Amino acid sequence: MATQTIRGFWGDGRLNTIQYLEDQAARAERLAKRITDTLTIEKLLTFAGERRREIEVIAGRRRA
């Protein structure tokens, strides 16, 4: 699923980046629920957590 940047609204593409990171985190979390390999599940959930932290940083910059 492609997202479009709404430059007129946020001005710098942050909304597009946040949506992309959210999609990546959600995809990793869904995949982690479908597999049984513990190490892979941990890596996927770590990846998802990192994406969500990136979202928080970007969203924090937007509020500032």
C-alpha atoms as a PDB file:
ATOM      1  CA  MET A   1       0.000   0.000   0.000  1.00  0.00           C
ATOM      2  CA  ALA A   2       1.543   3.275  -1.099  1.00  0.00           C
ATOM      3  CA  THR A   3       1.079   6.451   0.880  1.00  0.00           C
ATOM      4  CA  GLN A   4       1.156   9.990  -0.387  1.00  0.00           C
ATOM      5  CA  THR A   5       2.860  12.925   1.214  1.00  0.00           C
ATOM      6  CA  ILE A   6       0.524  15.727   2.197  1.00  0.00           C
ATOM      7  CA  ARG A   7       3.037  18.550   1.812  1.00  0.00           C
ATOM      8  CA  GLY A   8       0.475  21.298   2.023  1.00  0.00           C
ATOM      9  CA  PHE A   9      -0.625  20.100   5.440  1.00  0.00           C
ATOM     10  CA  TRP A  10       2.590  19.167   7.297  1.00  0.00           C
ATOM     11  CA  GLY A  11       5.007  20.742   4.859  1.00  0.00           C
ATOM     12  CA  ASP A  12       7.900  18.272   5.017  1.00  0.00           C
ATOM     13  CA  GLY A  13       6.601  14.763   4.472  1.00  0.00           C
ATOM     14  CA  ARG A  14       6.523  13.713   8.126  1.00  0.00           C
ATOM     15  CA  LEU A  15       3.016  12.312   7.804  1.00  0.00           C
ATOM     16  CA  ASN A  16       4.192  10.093   4.955  1.00  0.00           C
ATOM     17  CA  THR A  17       7.159   8.901   7.026  1.00  0.00           C
ATOM     18  CA  ILE A  18       5.025   8.215  10.089  1.00  0.00           C
ATOM     19  CA  GLN A  19       2.545   6.200   8.022  1.00  0.00           C
ATOM     20  CA  TYR A  20       5.372   4.206   6.434  1.00  0.00           C
ATOM     21  CA  LEU A  21       6.904   3.413   9.838  1.00  0.00           C
ATOM     22  CA  GLU A  22       3.484   2.506  11.258  1.00  0.00           C
ATOM     23  CA  ASP A  23       2.878   0.144   8.340  1.00  0.00           C
ATOM     24  CA  GLN A  24       6.277  -1.493   8.864  1.00  0.00           C
ATOM     25  CA  ALA A  25       5.707  -1.946  12.607  1.00  0.00           C
ATOM     26  CA  ALA A  26       2.221  -3.384  12.106  1.00  0.00           C
ATOM     27  CA  ARG A  27       3.463  -5.779   9.423  1.00  0.00           C
ATOM     28  CA  ALA A  28       6.252  -7.046  11.692  1.00  0.00           C
ATOM     29  CA  GLU A  29       3.807  -7.527  14.579  1.00  0.00           C
ATOM     30  CA  ARG A  30       1.361  -9.455  12.377  1.00  0.00           C
ATOM     31  CA  LEU A  31       4.146 -11.691  11.102  1.00  0.00           C
ATOM     32  CA  ALA A  32       5.397 -12.337  14.642  1.00  0.00           C
ATOM     33  CA  LYS A  33       1.947 -13.702  15.538  1.00  0.00           C
ATOM     34  CA  ARG A  34       2.038 -16.211  12.671  1.00  0.00           C
ATOM     35  CA  ILE A  35       5.394 -17.872  13.238  1.00  0.00           C
ATOM     36  CA  THR A  36       6.751 -20.151  15.948  1.00  0.00           C
ATOM     37  CA  ASP A  37      10.503 -19.458  15.876  1.00  0.00           C
ATOM     38  CA  THR A  38      11.265 -17.604  19.117  1.00  0.00           C
ATOM     39  CA  LEU A  39      14.380 -15.815  17.861  1.00  0.00           C
ATOM     40  CA  THR A  40      12.596 -14.519  14.771  1.00  0.00           C
ATOM     41  CA  ILE A  41       9.627 -13.380  16.848  1.00  0.00           C
ATOM     42  CA  GLU A  42      11.971 -11.443  19.147  1.00  0.00           C
ATOM     43  CA  LYS A  43      13.710  -9.809  16.187  1.00  0.00           C
ATOM     44  CA  LEU A  44      10.410  -8.825  14.578  1.00  0.00           C
ATOM     45  CA  LEU A  45       9.071  -7.337  17.804  1.00  0.00           C
ATOM     46  CA  THR A  46      12.335  -5.475  18.361  1.00  0.00           C
ATOM     47  CA  PHE A  47      12.088  -4.088  14.829  1.00  0.00           C
ATOM     48  CA  ALA A  48       8.482  -3.025  15.447  1.00  0.00           C
ATOM     49  CA  GLY A  49       9.468  -1.322  18.704  1.00  0.00           C
ATOM     50  CA  GLU A  50      12.256   0.584  16.974  1.00  0.00           C
ATOM     51  CA  ARG A  51       9.848   1.821  14.292  1.00  0.00           C
ATOM     52  CA  ARG A  52       7.371   2.952  16.960  1.00  0.00           C
ATOM     53  CA  ARG A  53      10.150   4.854  18.784  1.00  0.00           C
ATOM     54  CA  GLU A  54      11.045   6.557  15.499  1.00  0.00           C
ATOM     55  CA  ILE A  55       7.404   7.579  15.134  1.00  0.00           C
ATOM     56  CA  GLU A  56       7.463   9.127  18.616  1.00  0.00           C
ATOM     57  CA  VAL A  57      10.599  11.120  17.769  1.00  0.00           C
ATOM     58  CA  ILE A  58       9.135  12.401  14.504  1.00  0.00           C
ATOM     59  CA  ALA A  59       5.780  13.194  16.098  1.00  0.00           C
ATOM     60  CA  GLY A  60       7.581  15.038  18.907  1.00  0.00           C
ATOM     61  CA  ARG A  61       9.408  17.208  16.382  1.00  0.00           C
ATOM     62  CA  ARG A  62       6.104  17.995  14.693  1.00  0.00           C
ATOM     63  CA  ARG A  63       4.579  19.200  17.965  1.00  0.00           C
ATOM     64  CA  ALA A  64       7.583  21.379  18.806  1.00  0.00           C
END
